[in-house]
């Protein structure tokens, strides 16, 4: 059975989670501005979603795949609601994906079988 290793290196996963936490905190502070804060907060949410989509795609983690999309959409909606945005939804979502997504490393038998396929 192939071993599984994290897709995102541990130090990068910690950095991703820290950046998500900082951006969630900025979003909370911006939303304290009476009317303009809601609009700016929504724009920040879109930037966060797009930025982490690109950053996670670099490590082959799909933020909006069929498996991961429901959790990402919940984070986006939670950030749009007044009270639930205080729970740092992007930090939880990015941290959970960065630390749990794994890739399989092929065993020697699988590597030999693939090598046999491409022999001339």
PDB file of N, CA and C in Angstrom:
ATOM      1  N   UNK A   1       0.849  -1.178   0.000  1.00  0.00           N
ATOM      2  CA  UNK A   1       0.000   0.000   0.000  1.00  0.00           C
ATOM      3  C   UNK A   1       0.889   1.234   0.000  1.00  0.00           C
ATOM      4  N   UNK A   2       0.606   2.184  -0.874  1.00  0.00           N
ATOM      5  CA  UNK A   2       1.435   3.388  -0.943  1.00  0.00           C
ATOM      6  C   UNK A   2       1.303   4.245   0.311  1.00  0.00           C
ATOM      7  N   UNK A   3       2.417   4.869   0.639  1.00  0.00           N
ATOM      8  CA  UNK A   3       2.392   5.785   1.778  1.00  0.00           C
ATOM      9  C   UNK A   3       1.782   7.109   1.349  1.00  0.00           C
ATOM     10  N   UNK A   4       1.180   7.796   2.293  1.00  0.00           N
ATOM     11  CA  UNK A   4       0.600   9.107   2.010  1.00  0.00           C
ATOM     12  C   UNK A   4       1.422  10.178   2.708  1.00  0.00           C
ATOM     13  N   UNK A   5       1.708  11.232   1.977  1.00  0.00           N
ATOM     14  CA  UNK A   5       2.421  12.374   2.544  1.00  0.00           C
ATOM     15  C   UNK A   5       1.583  13.622   2.301  1.00  0.00           C
ATOM     16  N   UNK A   6       1.762  14.640   3.119  1.00  0.00           N
ATOM     17  CA  UNK A   6       0.974  15.862   2.910  1.00  0.00           C
ATOM     18  C   UNK A   6       1.315  16.522   1.576  1.00  0.00           C
ATOM     19  N   UNK A   7       0.283  17.065   0.916  1.00  0.00           N
ATOM     20  CA  UNK A   7       0.522  17.789  -0.330  1.00  0.00           C
ATOM     21  C   UNK A   7       1.189  19.123  -0.064  1.00  0.00           C
ATOM     22  N   UNK A   8       0.816  19.742   1.036  1.00  0.00           N
ATOM     23  CA  UNK A   8       1.377  21.047   1.393  1.00  0.00           C
ATOM     24  C   UNK A   8       2.430  20.819   2.478  1.00  0.00           C
ATOM     25  N   UNK A   9       3.675  21.261   2.277  1.00  0.00           N
ATOM     26  CA  UNK A   9       4.686  21.111   3.323  1.00  0.00           C
ATOM     27  C   UNK A   9       4.228  21.781   4.626  1.00  0.00           C
ATOM     28  N   UNK A  10       4.662  21.229   5.740  1.00  0.00           N
ATOM     29  CA  UNK A  10       4.190  21.691   7.049  1.00  0.00           C
ATOM     30  C   UNK A  10       4.456  23.183   7.264  1.00  0.00           C
ATOM     31  N   UNK A  11       5.636  23.659   6.899  1.00  0.00           N
ATOM     32  CA  UNK A  11       5.938  25.075   7.125  1.00  0.00           C
ATOM     33  C   UNK A  11       5.056  25.983   6.266  1.00  0.00           C
ATOM     34  N   UNK A  12       4.747  25.551   5.057  1.00  0.00           N
ATOM     35  CA  UNK A  12       3.853  26.336   4.204  1.00  0.00           C
ATOM     36  C   UNK A  12       2.424  26.293   4.746  1.00  0.00           C
ATOM     37  N   UNK A  13       2.022  25.135   5.285  1.00  0.00           N
ATOM     38  CA  UNK A  13       0.675  25.021   5.870  1.00  0.00           C
ATOM     39  C   UNK A  13       0.526  25.960   7.066  1.00  0.00           C
ATOM     40  N   UNK A  14       1.574  26.059   7.881  1.00  0.00           N
ATOM     41  CA  UNK A  14       1.542  26.987   9.014  1.00  0.00           C
ATOM     42  C   UNK A  14       1.471  28.427   8.507  1.00  0.00           C
ATOM     43  N   UNK A  15       2.239  28.743   7.470  1.00  0.00           N
ATOM     44  CA  UNK A  15       2.214  30.088   6.890  1.00  0.00           C
ATOM     45  C   UNK A  15       0.837  30.407   6.305  1.00  0.00           C
ATOM     46  N   UNK A  16       0.246  29.445   5.582  1.00  0.00           N
ATOM     47  CA  UNK A  16      -1.094  29.650   5.010  1.00  0.00           C
ATOM     48  C   UNK A  16      -2.124  29.931   6.098  1.00  0.00           C
ATOM     49  N   UNK A  17      -2.063  29.151   7.166  1.00  0.00           N
ATOM     50  CA  UNK A  17      -3.014  29.324   8.262  1.00  0.00           C
ATOM     51  C   UNK A  17      -2.816  30.677   8.941  1.00  0.00           C
ATOM     52  N   UNK A  18      -1.565  31.084   9.113  1.00  0.00           N
ATOM     53  CA  UNK A  18      -1.288  32.391   9.711  1.00  0.00           C
ATOM     54  C   UNK A  18      -1.775  33.542   8.847  1.00  0.00           C
ATOM     55  N   UNK A  19      -1.557  33.437   7.535  1.00  0.00           N
ATOM     56  CA  UNK A  19      -2.032  34.479   6.622  1.00  0.00           C
ATOM     57  C   UNK A  19      -3.557  34.528   6.631  1.00  0.00           C
ATOM     58  N   UNK A  20      -4.196  33.359   6.630  1.00  0.00           N
ATOM     59  CA  UNK A  20      -5.665  33.322   6.682  1.00  0.00           C
ATOM     60  C   UNK A  20      -6.183  33.955   7.973  1.00  0.00           C
ATOM     61  N   UNK A  21      -5.509  33.679   9.087  1.00  0.00           N
ATOM     62  CA  UNK A  21      -5.911  34.285  10.363  1.00  0.00           C
ATOM     63  C   UNK A  21      -5.764  35.790  10.352  1.00  0.00           C
ATOM     64  N   UNK A  22      -4.656  36.268   9.795  1.00  0.00           N
ATOM     65  CA  UNK A  22      -4.438  37.715   9.708  1.00  0.00           C
ATOM     66  C   UNK A  22      -5.504  38.366   8.831  1.00  0.00           C
ATOM     67  N   UNK A  23      -5.794  37.758   7.678  1.00  0.00           N
ATOM     68  CA  UNK A  23      -6.793  38.333   6.779  1.00  0.00           C
ATOM     69  C   UNK A  23      -8.189  38.278   7.390  1.00  0.00           C
ATOM     70  N   UNK A  24      -8.496  37.226   8.145  1.00  0.00           N
ATOM     71  CA  UNK A  24      -9.783  37.177   8.848  1.00  0.00           C
ATOM     72  C   UNK A  24      -9.874  38.305   9.874  1.00  0.00           C
ATOM     73  N   UNK A  25      -8.771  38.551  10.592  1.00  0.00           N
ATOM     74  CA  UNK A  25      -8.757  39.627  11.582  1.00  0.00           C
ATOM     75  C   UNK A  25      -8.930  40.985  10.914  1.00  0.00           C
ATOM     76  N   UNK A  26      -8.254  41.206   9.793  1.00  0.00           N
ATOM     77  CA  UNK A  26      -8.412  42.453   9.043  1.00  0.00           C
ATOM     78  C   UNK A  26      -9.854  42.605   8.585  1.00  0.00           C
ATOM     79  N   UNK A  27     -10.444  41.508   8.115  1.00  0.00           N
ATOM     80  CA  UNK A  27     -11.824  41.538   7.663  1.00  0.00           C
ATOM     81  C   UNK A  27     -12.781  41.908   8.799  1.00  0.00           C
ATOM     82  N   UNK A  28     -12.551  41.366   9.975  1.00  0.00           N
ATOM     83  CA  UNK A  28     -13.394  41.692  11.138  1.00  0.00           C
ATOM     84  C   UNK A  28     -13.267  43.168  11.491  1.00  0.00           C
ATOM     85  N   UNK A  29     -12.040  43.685  11.499  1.00  0.00           N
ATOM     86  CA  UNK A  29     -11.829  45.083  11.844  1.00  0.00           C
ATOM     87  C   UNK A  29     -12.423  46.026  10.799  1.00  0.00           C
ATOM     88  N   UNK A  30     -12.337  45.653   9.528  1.00  0.00           N
ATOM     89  CA  UNK A  30     -12.914  46.487   8.462  1.00  0.00           C
ATOM     90  C   UNK A  30     -14.431  46.517   8.579  1.00  0.00           C
ATOM     91  N   UNK A  31     -15.027  45.395   8.948  1.00  0.00           N
ATOM     92  CA  UNK A  31     -16.480  45.338   9.028  1.00  0.00           C
ATOM     93  C   UNK A  31     -17.051  46.119  10.210  1.00  0.00           C
ATOM     94  N   UNK A  32     -16.195  46.652  11.060  1.00  0.00           N
ATOM     95  CA  UNK A  32     -16.667  47.518  12.139  1.00  0.00           C
ATOM     96  C   UNK A  32     -17.063  48.903  11.612  1.00  0.00           C
ATOM     97  N   UNK A  33     -16.593  49.244  10.422  1.00  0.00           N
ATOM     98  CA  UNK A  33     -17.000  50.507   9.789  1.00  0.00           C
ATOM     99  C   UNK A  33     -18.466  50.361   9.397  1.00  0.00           C
ATOM    100  N   UNK A  34     -19.343  51.277   9.782  1.00  0.00           N
ATOM    101  CA  UNK A  34     -20.785  51.080   9.648  1.00  0.00           C
ATOM    102  C   UNK A  34     -21.299  50.573   8.303  1.00  0.00           C
ATOM    103  N   UNK A  35     -21.279  51.302   7.238  1.00  0.00           N
ATOM    104  CA  UNK A  35     -21.886  50.849   5.983  1.00  0.00           C
ATOM    105  C   UNK A  35     -20.823  50.405   4.989  1.00  0.00           C
ATOM    106  N   UNK A  36     -19.801  51.194   4.864  1.00  0.00           N
ATOM    107  CA  UNK A  36     -18.742  50.907   3.914  1.00  0.00           C
ATOM    108  C   UNK A  36     -17.997  49.609   4.264  1.00  0.00           C
ATOM    109  N   UNK A  37     -17.975  49.269   5.542  1.00  0.00           N
ATOM    110  CA  UNK A  37     -17.275  48.067   5.983  1.00  0.00           C
ATOM    111  C   UNK A  37     -17.843  46.792   5.398  1.00  0.00           C
ATOM    112  N   UNK A  38     -19.147  46.723   5.231  1.00  0.00           N
ATOM    113  CA  UNK A  38     -19.760  45.524   4.659  1.00  0.00           C
ATOM    114  C   UNK A  38     -19.342  45.342   3.208  1.00  0.00           C
ATOM    115  N   UNK A  39     -19.282  46.427   2.463  1.00  0.00           N
ATOM    116  CA  UNK A  39     -18.885  46.350   1.053  1.00  0.00           C
ATOM    117  C   UNK A  39     -17.410  45.980   0.942  1.00  0.00           C
ATOM    118  N   UNK A  40     -16.567  46.663   1.711  1.00  0.00           N
ATOM    119  CA  UNK A  40     -15.133  46.371   1.677  1.00  0.00           C
ATOM    120  C   UNK A  40     -14.873  44.956   2.175  1.00  0.00           C
ATOM    121  N   UNK A  41     -15.608  44.523   3.206  1.00  0.00           N
ATOM    122  CA  UNK A  41     -15.463  43.163   3.721  1.00  0.00           C
ATOM    123  C   UNK A  41     -15.795  42.112   2.688  1.00  0.00           C
ATOM    124  N   UNK A  42     -16.838  42.360   1.885  1.00  0.00           N
ATOM    125  CA  UNK A  42     -17.203  41.424   0.828  1.00  0.00           C
ATOM    126  C   UNK A  42     -16.110  41.356  -0.233  1.00  0.00           C
ATOM    127  N   UNK A  43     -15.529  42.496  -0.562  1.00  0.00           N
ATOM    128  CA  UNK A  43     -14.433  42.520  -1.541  1.00  0.00           C
ATOM    129  C   UNK A  43     -13.219  41.770  -0.989  1.00  0.00           C
ATOM    130  N   UNK A  44     -12.939  41.945   0.292  1.00  0.00           N
ATOM    131  CA  UNK A  44     -11.835  41.220   0.917  1.00  0.00           C
ATOM    132  C   UNK A  44     -12.095  39.718   0.870  1.00  0.00           C
ATOM    133  N   UNK A  45     -13.347  39.293   1.099  1.00  0.00           N
ATOM    134  CA  UNK A  45     -13.692  37.870   1.018  1.00  0.00           C
ATOM    135  C   UNK A  45     -13.407  37.305  -0.369  1.00  0.00           C
ATOM    136  N   UNK A  46     -13.747  38.056  -1.397  1.00  0.00           N
ATOM    137  CA  UNK A  46     -13.503  37.593  -2.767  1.00  0.00           C
ATOM    138  C   UNK A  46     -12.003  37.489  -3.024  1.00  0.00           C
ATOM    139  N   UNK A  47     -11.242  38.460  -2.561  1.00  0.00           N
ATOM    140  CA  UNK A  47      -9.786  38.433  -2.739  1.00  0.00           C
ATOM    141  C   UNK A  47      -9.177  37.258  -1.977  1.00  0.00           C
ATOM    142  N   UNK A  48      -9.658  37.003  -0.759  1.00  0.00           N
ATOM    143  CA  UNK A  48      -9.166  35.871   0.024  1.00  0.00           C
ATOM    144  C   UNK A  48      -9.457  34.565  -0.708  1.00  0.00           C
ATOM    145  N   UNK A  49     -10.690  34.405  -1.176  1.00  0.00           N
ATOM    146  CA  UNK A  49     -11.065  33.166  -1.871  1.00  0.00           C
ATOM    147  C   UNK A  49     -10.223  32.954  -3.121  1.00  0.00           C
ATOM    148  N   UNK A  50     -10.029  34.000  -3.908  1.00  0.00           N
ATOM    149  CA  UNK A  50      -9.241  33.874  -5.137  1.00  0.00           C
ATOM    150  C   UNK A  50      -7.761  33.640  -4.828  1.00  0.00           C
ATOM    151  N   UNK A  51      -7.241  34.357  -3.853  1.00  0.00           N
ATOM    152  CA  UNK A  51      -5.827  34.209  -3.504  1.00  0.00           C
ATOM    153  C   UNK A  51      -5.493  32.823  -2.986  1.00  0.00           C
ATOM    154  N   UNK A  52      -6.326  32.314  -2.095  1.00  0.00           N
ATOM    155  CA  UNK A  52      -6.062  30.977  -1.570  1.00  0.00           C
ATOM    156  C   UNK A  52      -6.353  29.893  -2.605  1.00  0.00           C
ATOM    157  N   UNK A  53      -7.247  30.158  -3.547  1.00  0.00           N
ATOM    158  CA  UNK A  53      -7.473  29.214  -4.642  1.00  0.00           C
ATOM    159  C   UNK A  53      -6.180  29.033  -5.439  1.00  0.00           C
ATOM    160  N   UNK A  54      -5.525  30.133  -5.759  1.00  0.00           N
ATOM    161  CA  UNK A  54      -4.279  30.071  -6.525  1.00  0.00           C
ATOM    162  C   UNK A  54      -3.161  29.450  -5.692  1.00  0.00           C
ATOM    163  N   UNK A  55      -3.051  29.855  -4.428  1.00  0.00           N
ATOM    164  CA  UNK A  55      -1.982  29.354  -3.573  1.00  0.00           C
ATOM    165  C   UNK A  55      -2.132  27.853  -3.326  1.00  0.00           C
ATOM    166  N   UNK A  56      -3.359  27.403  -3.087  1.00  0.00           N
ATOM    167  CA  UNK A  56      -3.588  25.971  -2.865  1.00  0.00           C
ATOM    168  C   UNK A  56      -3.397  25.183  -4.160  1.00  0.00           C
ATOM    169  N   UNK A  57      -3.778  25.756  -5.293  1.00  0.00           N
ATOM    170  CA  UNK A  57      -3.610  25.068  -6.571  1.00  0.00           C
ATOM    171  C   UNK A  57      -2.137  24.827  -6.874  1.00  0.00           C
ATOM    172  N   UNK A  58      -1.280  25.691  -6.382  1.00  0.00           N
ATOM    173  CA  UNK A  58       0.158  25.504  -6.559  1.00  0.00           C
ATOM    174  C   UNK A  58       0.619  24.192  -5.926  1.00  0.00           C
ATOM    175  N   UNK A  59      -0.035  23.765  -4.863  1.00  0.00           N
ATOM    176  CA  UNK A  59       0.293  22.508  -4.183  1.00  0.00           C
ATOM    177  C   UNK A  59      -0.687  21.388  -4.539  1.00  0.00           C
ATOM    178  N   UNK A  60      -1.433  21.557  -5.622  1.00  0.00           N
ATOM    179  CA  UNK A  60      -2.385  20.563  -6.131  1.00  0.00           C
ATOM    180  C   UNK A  60      -3.498  20.247  -5.143  1.00  0.00           C
ATOM    181  N   UNK A  61      -3.893  21.235  -4.349  1.00  0.00           N
ATOM    182  CA  UNK A  61      -5.053  21.111  -3.471  1.00  0.00           C
ATOM    183  C   UNK A  61      -6.154  21.953  -4.102  1.00  0.00           C
ATOM    184  N   UNK A  62      -7.246  21.319  -4.419  1.00  0.00           N
ATOM    185  CA  UNK A  62      -8.339  22.025  -5.087  1.00  0.00           C
ATOM    186  C   UNK A  62      -9.320  22.550  -4.041  1.00  0.00           C
ATOM    187  N   UNK A  63      -9.369  23.863  -3.910  1.00  0.00           N
ATOM    188  CA  UNK A  63     -10.224  24.502  -2.911  1.00  0.00           C
ATOM    189  C   UNK A  63     -11.697  24.354  -3.258  1.00  0.00           C
ATOM    190  N   UNK A  64     -12.008  24.263  -4.551  1.00  0.00           N
ATOM    191  CA  UNK A  64     -13.405  24.181  -4.977  1.00  0.00           C
ATOM    192  C   UNK A  64     -13.687  22.912  -5.773  1.00  0.00           C
ATOM    193  N   UNK A  65     -13.051  21.795  -5.439  1.00  0.00           N
ATOM    194  CA  UNK A  65     -13.381  20.525  -6.083  1.00  0.00           C
ATOM    195  C   UNK A  65     -14.701  20.017  -5.512  1.00  0.00           C
ATOM    196  N   UNK A  66     -15.212  18.940  -6.081  1.00  0.00           N
ATOM    197  CA  UNK A  66     -16.486  18.397  -5.601  1.00  0.00           C
ATOM    198  C   UNK A  66     -16.398  18.004  -4.122  1.00  0.00           C
ATOM    199  N   UNK A  67     -15.230  17.559  -3.701  1.00  0.00           N
ATOM    200  CA  UNK A  67     -15.049  17.140  -2.308  1.00  0.00           C
ATOM    201  C   UNK A  67     -14.889  18.333  -1.366  1.00  0.00           C
ATOM    202  N   UNK A  68     -14.208  19.379  -1.810  1.00  0.00           N
ATOM    203  CA  UNK A  68     -13.860  20.498  -0.935  1.00  0.00           C
ATOM    204  C   UNK A  68     -14.762  21.717  -1.064  1.00  0.00           C
ATOM    205  N   UNK A  69     -15.557  21.795  -2.115  1.00  0.00           N
ATOM    206  CA  UNK A  69     -16.372  22.987  -2.359  1.00  0.00           C
ATOM    207  C   UNK A  69     -17.376  23.293  -1.248  1.00  0.00           C
ATOM    208  N   UNK A  70     -18.081  22.287  -0.700  1.00  0.00           N
ATOM    209  CA  UNK A  70     -19.059  22.640   0.347  1.00  0.00           C
ATOM    210  C   UNK A  70     -18.435  23.363   1.540  1.00  0.00           C
ATOM    211  N   UNK A  71     -17.285  22.904   2.003  1.00  0.00           N
ATOM    212  CA  UNK A  71     -16.633  23.558   3.128  1.00  0.00           C
ATOM    213  C   UNK A  71     -16.158  24.963   2.794  1.00  0.00           C
ATOM    214  N   UNK A  72     -15.675  25.147   1.568  1.00  0.00           N
ATOM    215  CA  UNK A  72     -15.220  26.468   1.150  1.00  0.00           C
ATOM    216  C   UNK A  72     -16.394  27.434   1.010  1.00  0.00           C
ATOM    217  N   UNK A  73     -17.502  26.953   0.504  1.00  0.00           N
ATOM    218  CA  UNK A  73     -18.696  27.800   0.377  1.00  0.00           C
ATOM    219  C   UNK A  73     -19.249  28.167   1.757  1.00  0.00           C
ATOM    220  N   UNK A  74     -19.198  27.227   2.694  1.00  0.00           N
ATOM    221  CA  UNK A  74     -19.641  27.519   4.063  1.00  0.00           C
ATOM    222  C   UNK A  74     -18.773  28.623   4.659  1.00  0.00           C
ATOM    223  N   UNK A  75     -17.464  28.559   4.441  1.00  0.00           N
ATOM    224  CA  UNK A  75     -16.565  29.604   4.952  1.00  0.00           C
ATOM    225  C   UNK A  75     -16.907  30.951   4.341  1.00  0.00           C
ATOM    226  N   UNK A  76     -17.195  30.966   3.038  1.00  0.00           N
ATOM    227  CA  UNK A  76     -17.528  32.220   2.359  1.00  0.00           C
ATOM    228  C   UNK A  76     -18.835  32.801   2.909  1.00  0.00           C
ATOM    229  N   UNK A  77     -19.857  31.951   3.091  1.00  0.00           N
ATOM    230  CA  UNK A  77     -21.144  32.421   3.608  1.00  0.00           C
ATOM    231  C   UNK A  77     -21.014  32.861   5.069  1.00  0.00           C
ATOM    232  N   UNK A  78     -20.237  32.113   5.862  1.00  0.00           N
ATOM    233  CA  UNK A  78     -20.049  32.490   7.270  1.00  0.00           C
ATOM    234  C   UNK A  78     -19.388  33.862   7.378  1.00  0.00           C
ATOM    235  N   UNK A  79     -18.487  34.162   6.464  1.00  0.00           N
ATOM    236  CA  UNK A  79     -17.849  35.474   6.488  1.00  0.00           C
ATOM    237  C   UNK A  79     -18.809  36.575   6.089  1.00  0.00           C
ATOM    238  N   UNK A  80     -19.843  36.245   5.340  1.00  0.00           N
ATOM    239  CA  UNK A  80     -20.806  37.256   4.907  1.00  0.00           C
ATOM    240  C   UNK A  80     -21.839  37.565   5.993  1.00  0.00           C
ATOM    241  N   UNK A  81     -22.061  36.645   6.925  1.00  0.00           N
ATOM    242  CA  UNK A  81     -23.049  36.854   7.981  1.00  0.00           C
ATOM    243  C   UNK A  81     -22.433  37.637   9.133  1.00  0.00           C
ATOM    244  N   UNK A  82     -23.230  38.471   9.825  1.00  0.00           N
ATOM    245  CA  UNK A  82     -22.680  39.395  10.815  1.00  0.00           C
ATOM    246  C   UNK A  82     -21.969  38.755  12.010  1.00  0.00           C
ATOM    247  N   UNK A  83     -22.539  37.763  12.625  1.00  0.00           N
ATOM    248  CA  UNK A  83     -21.951  37.226  13.860  1.00  0.00           C
ATOM    249  C   UNK A  83     -20.961  36.096  13.567  1.00  0.00           C
ATOM    250  N   UNK A  84     -21.266  35.256  12.576  1.00  0.00           N
ATOM    251  CA  UNK A  84     -20.414  34.096  12.322  1.00  0.00           C
ATOM    252  C   UNK A  84     -19.059  34.464  11.725  1.00  0.00           C
ATOM    253  N   UNK A  85     -18.895  35.682  11.245  1.00  0.00           N
ATOM    254  CA  UNK A  85     -17.577  36.060  10.724  1.00  0.00           C
ATOM    255  C   UNK A  85     -16.564  36.223  11.845  1.00  0.00           C
ATOM    256  N   UNK A  86     -17.004  36.253  13.078  1.00  0.00           N
ATOM    257  CA  UNK A  86     -16.098  36.349  14.223  1.00  0.00           C
ATOM    258  C   UNK A  86     -15.432  35.011  14.554  1.00  0.00           C
ATOM    259  N   UNK A  87     -15.834  33.937  13.876  1.00  0.00           N
ATOM    260  CA  UNK A  87     -15.280  32.605  14.162  1.00  0.00           C
ATOM    261  C   UNK A  87     -14.072  32.272  13.299  1.00  0.00           C
ATOM    262  N   UNK A  88     -13.564  33.223  12.530  1.00  0.00           N
ATOM    263  CA  UNK A  88     -12.398  33.024  11.664  1.00  0.00           C
ATOM    264  C   UNK A  88     -12.607  31.853  10.707  1.00  0.00           C
ATOM    265  N   UNK A  89     -13.652  31.919   9.869  1.00  0.00           N
ATOM    266  CA  UNK A  89     -13.959  30.772   9.003  1.00  0.00           C
ATOM    267  C   UNK A  89     -12.887  30.446   7.972  1.00  0.00           C
ATOM    268  N   UNK A  90     -12.231  31.457   7.394  1.00  0.00           N
ATOM    269  CA  UNK A  90     -11.195  31.153   6.403  1.00  0.00           C
ATOM    270  C   UNK A  90      -9.988  30.497   7.059  1.00  0.00           C
ATOM    271  N   UNK A  91      -9.665  30.907   8.276  1.00  0.00           N
ATOM    272  CA  UNK A  91      -8.546  30.298   8.983  1.00  0.00           C
ATOM    273  C   UNK A  91      -8.813  28.820   9.224  1.00  0.00           C
ATOM    274  N   UNK A  92     -10.018  28.511   9.653  1.00  0.00           N
ATOM    275  CA  UNK A  92     -10.376  27.112   9.909  1.00  0.00           C
ATOM    276  C   UNK A  92     -10.355  26.312   8.610  1.00  0.00           C
ATOM    277  N   UNK A  93     -10.917  26.863   7.549  1.00  0.00           N
ATOM    278  CA  UNK A  93     -11.004  26.140   6.274  1.00  0.00           C
ATOM    279  C   UNK A  93      -9.628  25.917   5.653  1.00  0.00           C
ATOM    280  N   UNK A  94      -8.825  26.958   5.586  1.00  0.00           N
ATOM    281  CA  UNK A  94      -7.500  26.835   4.975  1.00  0.00           C
ATOM    282  C   UNK A  94      -6.614  25.928   5.817  1.00  0.00           C
ATOM    283  N   UNK A  95      -6.673  26.088   7.127  1.00  0.00           N
ATOM    284  CA  UNK A  95      -5.875  25.227   8.004  1.00  0.00           C
ATOM    285  C   UNK A  95      -6.256  23.768   7.888  1.00  0.00           C
ATOM    286  N   UNK A  96      -7.556  23.506   7.839  1.00  0.00           N
ATOM    287  CA  UNK A  96      -7.977  22.103   7.747  1.00  0.00           C
ATOM    288  C   UNK A  96      -7.563  21.482   6.414  1.00  0.00           C
ATOM    289  N   UNK A  97      -7.651  22.228   5.334  1.00  0.00           N
ATOM    290  CA  UNK A  97      -7.225  21.686   4.038  1.00  0.00           C
ATOM    291  C   UNK A  97      -5.708  21.545   3.951  1.00  0.00           C
ATOM    292  N   UNK A  98      -4.989  22.549   4.407  1.00  0.00           N
ATOM    293  CA  UNK A  98      -3.527  22.534   4.269  1.00  0.00           C
ATOM    294  C   UNK A  98      -2.895  21.405   5.066  1.00  0.00           C
ATOM    295  N   UNK A  99      -3.463  21.088   6.226  1.00  0.00           N
ATOM    296  CA  UNK A  99      -2.860  20.061   7.072  1.00  0.00           C
ATOM    297  C   UNK A  99      -3.385  18.655   6.791  1.00  0.00           C
ATOM    298  N   UNK A 100      -4.513  18.503   6.081  1.00  0.00           N
ATOM    299  CA  UNK A 100      -5.090  17.163   5.920  1.00  0.00           C
ATOM    300  C   UNK A 100      -4.996  16.581   4.521  1.00  0.00           C
ATOM    301  N   UNK A 101      -4.858  17.403   3.477  1.00  0.00           N
ATOM    302  CA  UNK A 101      -4.779  16.860   2.121  1.00  0.00           C
ATOM    303  C   UNK A 101      -3.479  16.076   1.953  1.00  0.00           C
ATOM    304  N   UNK A 102      -3.594  14.862   1.424  1.00  0.00           N
ATOM    305  CA  UNK A 102      -2.427  14.007   1.254  1.00  0.00           C
ATOM    306  C   UNK A 102      -2.333  13.507  -0.177  1.00  0.00           C
ATOM    307  N   UNK A 103      -1.114  13.197  -0.581  1.00  0.00           N
ATOM    308  CA  UNK A 103      -0.902  12.579  -1.883  1.00  0.00           C
ATOM    309  C   UNK A 103      -0.258  11.220  -1.653  1.00  0.00           C
ATOM    310  N   UNK A 104      -0.487  10.336  -2.583  1.00  0.00           N
ATOM    311  CA  UNK A 104       0.087   9.001  -2.466  1.00  0.00           C
ATOM    312  C   UNK A 104       1.440   8.956  -3.143  1.00  0.00           C
ATOM    313  N   UNK A 105       2.373   8.287  -2.486  1.00  0.00           N
ATOM    314  CA  UNK A 105       3.681   8.047  -3.076  1.00  0.00           C
ATOM    315  C   UNK A 105       3.661   6.617  -3.584  1.00  0.00           C
ATOM    316  N   UNK A 106       3.978   6.391  -4.848  1.00  0.00           N
ATOM    317  CA  UNK A 106       3.889   5.033  -5.379  1.00  0.00           C
ATOM    318  C   UNK A 106       4.921   4.114  -4.751  1.00  0.00           C
ATOM    319  N   UNK A 107       4.543   2.855  -4.600  1.00  0.00           N
ATOM    320  CA  UNK A 107       5.467   1.855  -4.078  1.00  0.00           C
ATOM    321  C   UNK A 107       6.419   1.443  -5.186  1.00  0.00           C
ATOM    322  N   UNK A 108       7.400   0.635  -4.844  1.00  0.00           N
ATOM    323  CA  UNK A 108       8.358   0.167  -5.842  1.00  0.00           C
ATOM    324  C   UNK A 108       7.670  -0.644  -6.928  1.00  0.00           C
ATOM    325  N   UNK A 109       6.672  -1.444  -6.540  1.00  0.00           N
ATOM    326  CA  UNK A 109       5.961  -2.267  -7.523  1.00  0.00           C
ATOM    327  C   UNK A 109       5.225  -1.382  -8.526  1.00  0.00           C
ATOM    328  N   UNK A 110       4.602  -0.335  -8.057  1.00  0.00           N
ATOM    329  CA  UNK A 110       3.902   0.568  -8.966  1.00  0.00           C
ATOM    330  C   UNK A 110       4.878   1.293  -9.879  1.00  0.00           C
ATOM    331  N   UNK A 111       6.022   1.675  -9.343  1.00  0.00           N
ATOM    332  CA  UNK A 111       7.031   2.359 -10.143  1.00  0.00           C
ATOM    333  C   UNK A 111       7.570   1.428 -11.220  1.00  0.00           C
ATOM    334  N   UNK A 112       7.830   0.165 -10.865  1.00  0.00           N
ATOM    335  CA  UNK A 112       8.328  -0.799 -11.851  1.00  0.00           C
ATOM    336  C   UNK A 112       7.291  -1.047 -12.940  1.00  0.00           C
ATOM    337  N   UNK A 113       6.010  -1.146 -12.546  1.00  0.00           N
ATOM    338  CA  UNK A 113       4.955  -1.377 -13.530  1.00  0.00           C
ATOM    339  C   UNK A 113       4.862  -0.206 -14.496  1.00  0.00           C
ATOM    340  N   UNK A 114       4.999   1.005 -13.997  1.00  0.00           N
ATOM    341  CA  UNK A 114       4.959   2.190 -14.862  1.00  0.00           C
ATOM    342  C   UNK A 114       6.179   2.213 -15.771  1.00  0.00           C
ATOM    343  N   UNK A 115       7.346   1.839 -15.262  1.00  0.00           N
ATOM    344  CA  UNK A 115       8.560   1.811 -16.071  1.00  0.00           C
ATOM    345  C   UNK A 115       8.429   0.783 -17.178  1.00  0.00           C
ATOM    346  N   UNK A 116       7.810  -0.388 -16.892  1.00  0.00           N
ATOM    347  CA  UNK A 116       7.614  -1.417 -17.909  1.00  0.00           C
ATOM    348  C   UNK A 116       6.714  -0.920 -19.030  1.00  0.00           C
ATOM    349  N   UNK A 117       5.742  -0.090 -18.702  1.00  0.00           N
ATOM    350  CA  UNK A 117       4.837   0.438 -19.720  1.00  0.00           C
ATOM    351  C   UNK A 117       5.568   1.283 -20.751  1.00  0.00           C
ATOM    352  N   UNK A 118       6.554   2.040 -20.303  1.00  0.00           N
ATOM    353  CA  UNK A 118       7.219   2.998 -21.178  1.00  0.00           C
ATOM    354  C   UNK A 118       8.535   2.483 -21.762  1.00  0.00           C
ATOM    355  N   UNK A 119       8.859   1.203 -21.550  1.00  0.00           N
ATOM    356  CA  UNK A 119      10.076   0.639 -22.140  1.00  0.00           C
ATOM    357  C   UNK A 119       9.914   0.484 -23.640  1.00  0.00           C
ATOM    358  N   UNK A 120      10.957   0.717 -24.330  1.00  0.00           N
ATOM    359  CA  UNK A 120      10.921   0.557 -25.795  1.00  0.00           C
ATOM    360  C   UNK A 120      11.234  -0.851 -26.201  1.00  0.00           C
TER     361      UNK A 120
END
